[in-house]
């Protein structure tokens, strides 16, 4: 079995009205429920959008420094992540497609080593 991260950057979501977002709740939660029922779901969740609530930890200088805010200034940031464990790449692709369809925006997939 191989673990995969299915994730999206917040900026990929696009600008939509509240009604559109509310219409994505049922299809996206249904996919998560299907993954849980299939026994492949390890984790799924969205991240807080306000980067002011982020913090960074960096020990590369030899001293641990924890600071408010994201590590780097960026125009794109992670919006949510799902971790699955599946038998093969084709199964990972199928679940990624289901997540993308349920959410209504693109997803990226990477194997976890």
N, C-alpha and C. Protein backbone atom coordinates (compact mmCIF):
# COMPACT_ATOMS: atom_id res chain seq x y z
N UNK A 1 0.85 -1.19 0.00
CA UNK A 1 0.00 0.00 0.00
C UNK A 1 0.89 1.25 0.00
N UNK A 2 0.45 2.25 -0.71
CA UNK A 2 1.20 3.49 -0.84
C UNK A 2 0.33 4.66 -0.38
N UNK A 3 0.97 5.59 0.31
CA UNK A 3 0.26 6.79 0.76
C UNK A 3 0.42 7.90 -0.28
N UNK A 4 -0.67 8.66 -0.47
CA UNK A 4 -0.67 9.79 -1.38
C UNK A 4 -1.31 10.99 -0.69
N UNK A 5 -0.78 12.16 -1.01
CA UNK A 5 -1.37 13.42 -0.57
C UNK A 5 -2.13 14.01 -1.75
N UNK A 6 -3.39 14.31 -1.54
CA UNK A 6 -4.22 15.00 -2.53
C UNK A 6 -4.48 16.37 -1.94
N UNK A 7 -4.07 17.42 -2.64
CA UNK A 7 -4.16 18.75 -2.03
C UNK A 7 -4.42 19.82 -3.07
N UNK A 8 -4.75 21.01 -2.58
CA UNK A 8 -4.98 22.14 -3.47
C UNK A 8 -4.46 23.41 -2.84
N UNK A 9 -4.10 24.35 -3.69
CA UNK A 9 -3.77 25.69 -3.23
C UNK A 9 -5.06 26.49 -3.17
N UNK A 10 -5.20 27.32 -2.17
CA UNK A 10 -6.42 28.09 -1.98
C UNK A 10 -6.79 28.89 -3.22
N UNK A 11 -5.79 29.39 -3.94
CA UNK A 11 -6.04 30.22 -5.10
C UNK A 11 -6.67 29.45 -6.26
N UNK A 12 -6.61 28.12 -6.25
CA UNK A 12 -7.21 27.32 -7.31
C UNK A 12 -8.73 27.23 -7.18
N UNK A 13 -9.24 27.60 -6.02
CA UNK A 13 -10.68 27.50 -5.75
C UNK A 13 -11.47 28.46 -6.63
N UNK A 14 -10.96 29.65 -6.82
CA UNK A 14 -11.66 30.64 -7.64
C UNK A 14 -12.64 31.45 -6.82
N UNK A 15 -13.19 32.46 -7.46
CA UNK A 15 -14.15 33.34 -6.80
C UNK A 15 -15.56 32.85 -7.11
N UNK A 16 -16.29 32.52 -6.07
CA UNK A 16 -17.66 32.03 -6.20
C UNK A 16 -18.50 32.63 -5.08
N UNK A 17 -19.80 32.66 -5.30
CA UNK A 17 -20.67 33.17 -4.25
C UNK A 17 -20.93 32.09 -3.20
N UNK A 18 -21.52 32.51 -2.09
CA UNK A 18 -21.76 31.60 -0.97
C UNK A 18 -22.62 30.41 -1.38
N UNK A 19 -23.60 30.64 -2.23
CA UNK A 19 -24.48 29.55 -2.69
C UNK A 19 -23.68 28.46 -3.40
N UNK A 20 -22.72 28.87 -4.22
CA UNK A 20 -21.89 27.90 -4.93
C UNK A 20 -21.11 27.04 -3.92
N UNK A 21 -20.48 27.70 -2.94
CA UNK A 21 -19.71 26.96 -1.93
C UNK A 21 -20.60 26.02 -1.13
N UNK A 22 -21.78 26.47 -0.76
CA UNK A 22 -22.70 25.60 -0.02
C UNK A 22 -23.09 24.39 -0.86
N UNK A 23 -23.16 24.56 -2.17
CA UNK A 23 -23.46 23.45 -3.06
C UNK A 23 -22.34 22.44 -3.18
N UNK A 24 -21.15 22.77 -2.73
CA UNK A 24 -19.99 21.86 -2.78
C UNK A 24 -19.88 21.02 -1.51
N UNK A 25 -20.59 21.40 -0.44
CA UNK A 25 -20.46 20.70 0.84
C UNK A 25 -20.86 19.24 0.71
N UNK A 26 -22.04 18.96 0.21
CA UNK A 26 -22.52 17.58 0.12
C UNK A 26 -21.64 16.72 -0.78
N UNK A 27 -21.32 17.15 -2.01
CA UNK A 27 -20.49 16.27 -2.85
C UNK A 27 -19.09 16.04 -2.29
N UNK A 28 -18.50 17.05 -1.67
CA UNK A 28 -17.14 16.86 -1.16
C UNK A 28 -17.14 15.99 0.10
N UNK A 29 -18.11 16.17 0.99
CA UNK A 29 -18.15 15.32 2.18
C UNK A 29 -18.55 13.89 1.81
N UNK A 30 -19.31 13.72 0.74
CA UNK A 30 -19.68 12.37 0.29
C UNK A 30 -18.45 11.61 -0.18
N UNK A 31 -17.53 12.28 -0.86
CA UNK A 31 -16.30 11.62 -1.31
C UNK A 31 -15.47 11.19 -0.10
N UNK A 32 -15.35 12.05 0.89
CA UNK A 32 -14.60 11.70 2.10
C UNK A 32 -15.25 10.50 2.79
N UNK A 33 -16.56 10.48 2.85
CA UNK A 33 -17.27 9.34 3.45
C UNK A 33 -17.02 8.06 2.65
N UNK A 34 -17.02 8.18 1.32
CA UNK A 34 -16.74 7.02 0.47
C UNK A 34 -15.32 6.50 0.69
N UNK A 35 -14.35 7.41 0.84
CA UNK A 35 -12.97 6.99 1.10
C UNK A 35 -12.87 6.29 2.45
N UNK A 36 -13.56 6.81 3.45
CA UNK A 36 -13.55 6.18 4.78
C UNK A 36 -14.17 4.79 4.69
N UNK A 37 -15.29 4.68 3.99
CA UNK A 37 -15.97 3.39 3.85
C UNK A 37 -15.09 2.39 3.10
N UNK A 38 -14.31 2.86 2.12
CA UNK A 38 -13.43 1.99 1.35
C UNK A 38 -12.16 1.63 2.13
N UNK A 39 -11.94 2.30 3.27
CA UNK A 39 -10.77 2.00 4.10
C UNK A 39 -9.48 2.61 3.61
N UNK A 40 -9.56 3.66 2.76
CA UNK A 40 -8.34 4.26 2.22
C UNK A 40 -8.03 5.62 2.85
N UNK A 41 -8.96 6.20 3.57
CA UNK A 41 -8.79 7.54 4.12
C UNK A 41 -7.93 7.51 5.39
N UNK A 42 -6.89 8.33 5.40
CA UNK A 42 -6.10 8.52 6.61
C UNK A 42 -6.40 9.87 7.24
N UNK A 43 -6.64 10.88 6.40
CA UNK A 43 -6.93 12.22 6.91
C UNK A 43 -7.51 13.06 5.78
N UNK A 44 -8.42 13.97 6.11
CA UNK A 44 -8.92 14.97 5.16
C UNK A 44 -9.31 16.21 5.93
N UNK A 45 -8.90 17.37 5.43
CA UNK A 45 -9.30 18.60 6.08
C UNK A 45 -8.85 19.83 5.33
N UNK A 46 -9.60 20.88 5.52
CA UNK A 46 -9.24 22.18 4.98
C UNK A 46 -8.41 22.94 6.00
N UNK A 47 -7.65 23.89 5.51
CA UNK A 47 -6.80 24.69 6.39
C UNK A 47 -7.40 26.08 6.59
N UNK A 48 -7.14 26.67 7.73
CA UNK A 48 -7.59 28.03 8.01
C UNK A 48 -7.01 28.95 6.93
N UNK A 49 -7.86 29.78 6.34
CA UNK A 49 -7.41 30.64 5.24
C UNK A 49 -6.61 31.85 5.68
N UNK A 50 -6.79 32.31 6.89
CA UNK A 50 -6.12 33.52 7.36
C UNK A 50 -4.65 33.22 7.68
N UNK A 51 -3.75 33.69 6.82
CA UNK A 51 -2.32 33.43 7.04
C UNK A 51 -1.78 34.10 8.29
N UNK A 52 -2.52 35.06 8.84
CA UNK A 52 -2.10 35.68 10.10
C UNK A 52 -2.14 34.66 11.23
N UNK A 53 -2.88 33.58 11.05
CA UNK A 53 -2.94 32.54 12.07
C UNK A 53 -1.85 31.47 11.90
N UNK A 54 -1.07 31.59 10.84
CA UNK A 54 0.03 30.65 10.61
C UNK A 54 1.24 31.04 11.44
N UNK A 55 2.11 30.06 11.69
CA UNK A 55 3.39 30.35 12.32
C UNK A 55 4.43 29.42 11.71
N UNK A 56 5.68 29.78 11.88
CA UNK A 56 6.78 29.01 11.31
C UNK A 56 7.75 28.59 12.39
N UNK A 57 8.35 27.44 12.20
CA UNK A 57 9.42 26.96 13.08
C UNK A 57 10.62 26.66 12.21
N UNK A 58 11.77 27.22 12.56
CA UNK A 58 12.98 27.06 11.75
C UNK A 58 14.19 26.86 12.67
N UNK A 59 14.80 25.71 12.56
CA UNK A 59 15.98 25.42 13.35
C UNK A 59 17.25 25.32 12.52
N UNK A 60 17.20 25.78 11.27
CA UNK A 60 18.35 25.62 10.38
C UNK A 60 19.56 26.43 10.80
N UNK A 61 19.39 27.45 11.63
CA UNK A 61 20.52 28.26 12.09
C UNK A 61 21.22 27.62 13.28
N UNK A 62 20.68 26.53 13.79
CA UNK A 62 21.22 25.92 14.98
C UNK A 62 20.44 26.30 16.23
N UNK A 63 19.62 27.32 16.12
CA UNK A 63 18.75 27.76 17.19
C UNK A 63 17.32 27.72 16.66
N UNK A 64 16.42 27.14 17.43
CA UNK A 64 15.03 27.07 17.00
C UNK A 64 14.39 28.45 17.12
N UNK A 65 13.80 28.90 16.03
CA UNK A 65 13.10 30.18 16.01
C UNK A 65 11.67 29.91 15.56
N UNK A 66 10.72 30.31 16.38
CA UNK A 66 9.31 30.19 16.04
C UNK A 66 8.78 31.60 15.87
N UNK A 67 8.20 31.87 14.68
CA UNK A 67 7.72 33.21 14.39
C UNK A 67 6.27 33.17 13.91
N UNK A 68 5.59 34.28 14.07
CA UNK A 68 4.24 34.42 13.56
C UNK A 68 4.29 34.52 12.04
N UNK A 69 3.23 34.03 11.41
CA UNK A 69 3.10 34.16 9.97
C UNK A 69 3.74 33.01 9.21
N UNK A 70 3.48 32.96 7.92
CA UNK A 70 4.03 31.88 7.10
C UNK A 70 5.54 32.03 6.97
N UNK A 71 6.19 30.94 6.61
CA UNK A 71 7.65 30.90 6.49
C UNK A 71 8.14 31.85 5.40
N UNK A 72 7.45 31.87 4.27
CA UNK A 72 7.84 32.74 3.17
C UNK A 72 6.65 33.55 2.71
N UNK A 73 6.92 34.70 2.11
CA UNK A 73 5.87 35.48 1.47
C UNK A 73 5.50 34.73 0.19
N UNK A 74 4.23 34.49 0.00
CA UNK A 74 3.80 33.72 -1.16
C UNK A 74 2.45 34.22 -1.65
N UNK A 75 2.22 34.02 -2.94
CA UNK A 75 0.92 34.38 -3.49
C UNK A 75 -0.01 33.18 -3.51
N UNK A 76 0.52 31.98 -3.33
CA UNK A 76 -0.29 30.78 -3.26
C UNK A 76 0.01 30.05 -1.96
N UNK A 77 -1.02 29.46 -1.38
CA UNK A 77 -0.82 28.72 -0.15
C UNK A 77 -1.79 27.55 -0.10
N UNK A 78 -1.40 26.54 0.64
CA UNK A 78 -2.17 25.31 0.75
C UNK A 78 -3.54 25.59 1.36
N UNK A 79 -4.59 25.04 0.72
CA UNK A 79 -5.94 25.27 1.20
C UNK A 79 -6.54 24.06 1.90
N UNK A 80 -6.09 22.86 1.51
CA UNK A 80 -6.62 21.65 2.13
C UNK A 80 -5.84 20.45 1.67
N UNK A 81 -5.93 19.37 2.43
CA UNK A 81 -5.15 18.18 2.12
C UNK A 81 -5.93 16.93 2.54
N UNK A 82 -5.80 15.91 1.73
CA UNK A 82 -6.37 14.60 2.02
C UNK A 82 -5.24 13.59 1.89
N UNK A 83 -5.11 12.71 2.85
CA UNK A 83 -4.10 11.65 2.81
C UNK A 83 -4.82 10.32 2.67
N UNK A 84 -4.42 9.56 1.65
CA UNK A 84 -5.02 8.25 1.42
C UNK A 84 -3.92 7.19 1.37
N UNK A 85 -4.31 5.95 1.58
CA UNK A 85 -3.38 4.82 1.43
C UNK A 85 -4.09 3.81 0.54
N UNK A 86 -3.51 3.60 -0.65
CA UNK A 86 -4.16 2.77 -1.67
C UNK A 86 -3.14 1.79 -2.26
N UNK A 87 -3.63 0.75 -2.95
CA UNK A 87 -2.72 -0.27 -3.47
C UNK A 87 -1.91 0.14 -4.69
N UNK A 88 -2.39 1.15 -5.46
CA UNK A 88 -1.65 1.48 -6.69
C UNK A 88 -1.97 2.90 -7.16
N UNK A 89 -1.19 3.35 -8.13
CA UNK A 89 -1.32 4.69 -8.67
C UNK A 89 -2.68 4.92 -9.31
N UNK A 90 -3.20 3.94 -10.01
CA UNK A 90 -4.50 4.11 -10.66
C UNK A 90 -5.61 4.38 -9.64
N UNK A 91 -5.54 3.72 -8.50
CA UNK A 91 -6.53 3.94 -7.45
C UNK A 91 -6.37 5.35 -6.88
N UNK A 92 -5.13 5.81 -6.72
CA UNK A 92 -4.88 7.18 -6.24
C UNK A 92 -5.46 8.19 -7.23
N UNK A 93 -5.27 7.95 -8.52
CA UNK A 93 -5.81 8.86 -9.54
C UNK A 93 -7.33 8.89 -9.48
N UNK A 94 -7.95 7.74 -9.28
CA UNK A 94 -9.41 7.68 -9.21
C UNK A 94 -9.92 8.51 -8.04
N UNK A 95 -9.30 8.36 -6.86
CA UNK A 95 -9.75 9.11 -5.69
C UNK A 95 -9.47 10.60 -5.86
N UNK A 96 -8.33 10.96 -6.44
CA UNK A 96 -8.02 12.37 -6.68
C UNK A 96 -9.07 13.00 -7.60
N UNK A 97 -9.47 12.26 -8.62
CA UNK A 97 -10.50 12.76 -9.53
C UNK A 97 -11.83 12.94 -8.80
N UNK A 98 -12.15 12.02 -7.92
CA UNK A 98 -13.40 12.13 -7.13
C UNK A 98 -13.34 13.35 -6.21
N UNK A 99 -12.19 13.59 -5.59
CA UNK A 99 -12.04 14.76 -4.71
C UNK A 99 -12.19 16.04 -5.53
N UNK A 100 -11.52 16.10 -6.68
CA UNK A 100 -11.60 17.29 -7.53
C UNK A 100 -13.04 17.55 -7.97
N UNK A 101 -13.73 16.50 -8.34
CA UNK A 101 -15.13 16.63 -8.76
C UNK A 101 -16.00 17.08 -7.59
N UNK A 102 -15.80 16.49 -6.43
CA UNK A 102 -16.60 16.84 -5.26
C UNK A 102 -16.39 18.27 -4.82
N UNK A 103 -15.13 18.70 -4.80
CA UNK A 103 -14.83 20.07 -4.37
C UNK A 103 -15.20 21.10 -5.43
N UNK A 104 -14.97 20.75 -6.69
CA UNK A 104 -15.25 21.69 -7.76
C UNK A 104 -14.04 22.51 -8.17
N UNK A 105 -12.84 22.09 -7.76
CA UNK A 105 -11.61 22.76 -8.18
C UNK A 105 -10.50 21.73 -8.28
N UNK A 106 -9.39 22.09 -8.98
CA UNK A 106 -8.31 21.14 -9.23
C UNK A 106 -7.63 20.66 -7.95
N UNK A 107 -7.03 19.49 -8.07
CA UNK A 107 -6.26 18.89 -6.98
C UNK A 107 -4.90 18.45 -7.55
N UNK A 108 -3.91 18.46 -6.72
CA UNK A 108 -2.60 17.92 -7.09
C UNK A 108 -2.36 16.69 -6.23
N UNK A 109 -1.63 15.72 -6.75
CA UNK A 109 -1.39 14.47 -6.03
C UNK A 109 0.10 14.18 -6.02
N UNK A 110 0.59 13.80 -4.86
CA UNK A 110 1.99 13.38 -4.73
C UNK A 110 2.09 12.19 -3.80
N UNK A 111 2.95 11.28 -4.18
CA UNK A 111 3.21 10.11 -3.33
C UNK A 111 3.95 10.56 -2.08
N UNK A 112 3.62 9.97 -0.96
CA UNK A 112 4.32 10.24 0.29
C UNK A 112 5.36 9.15 0.46
N UNK A 113 6.60 9.52 0.59
CA UNK A 113 7.70 8.56 0.74
C UNK A 113 7.99 8.31 2.20
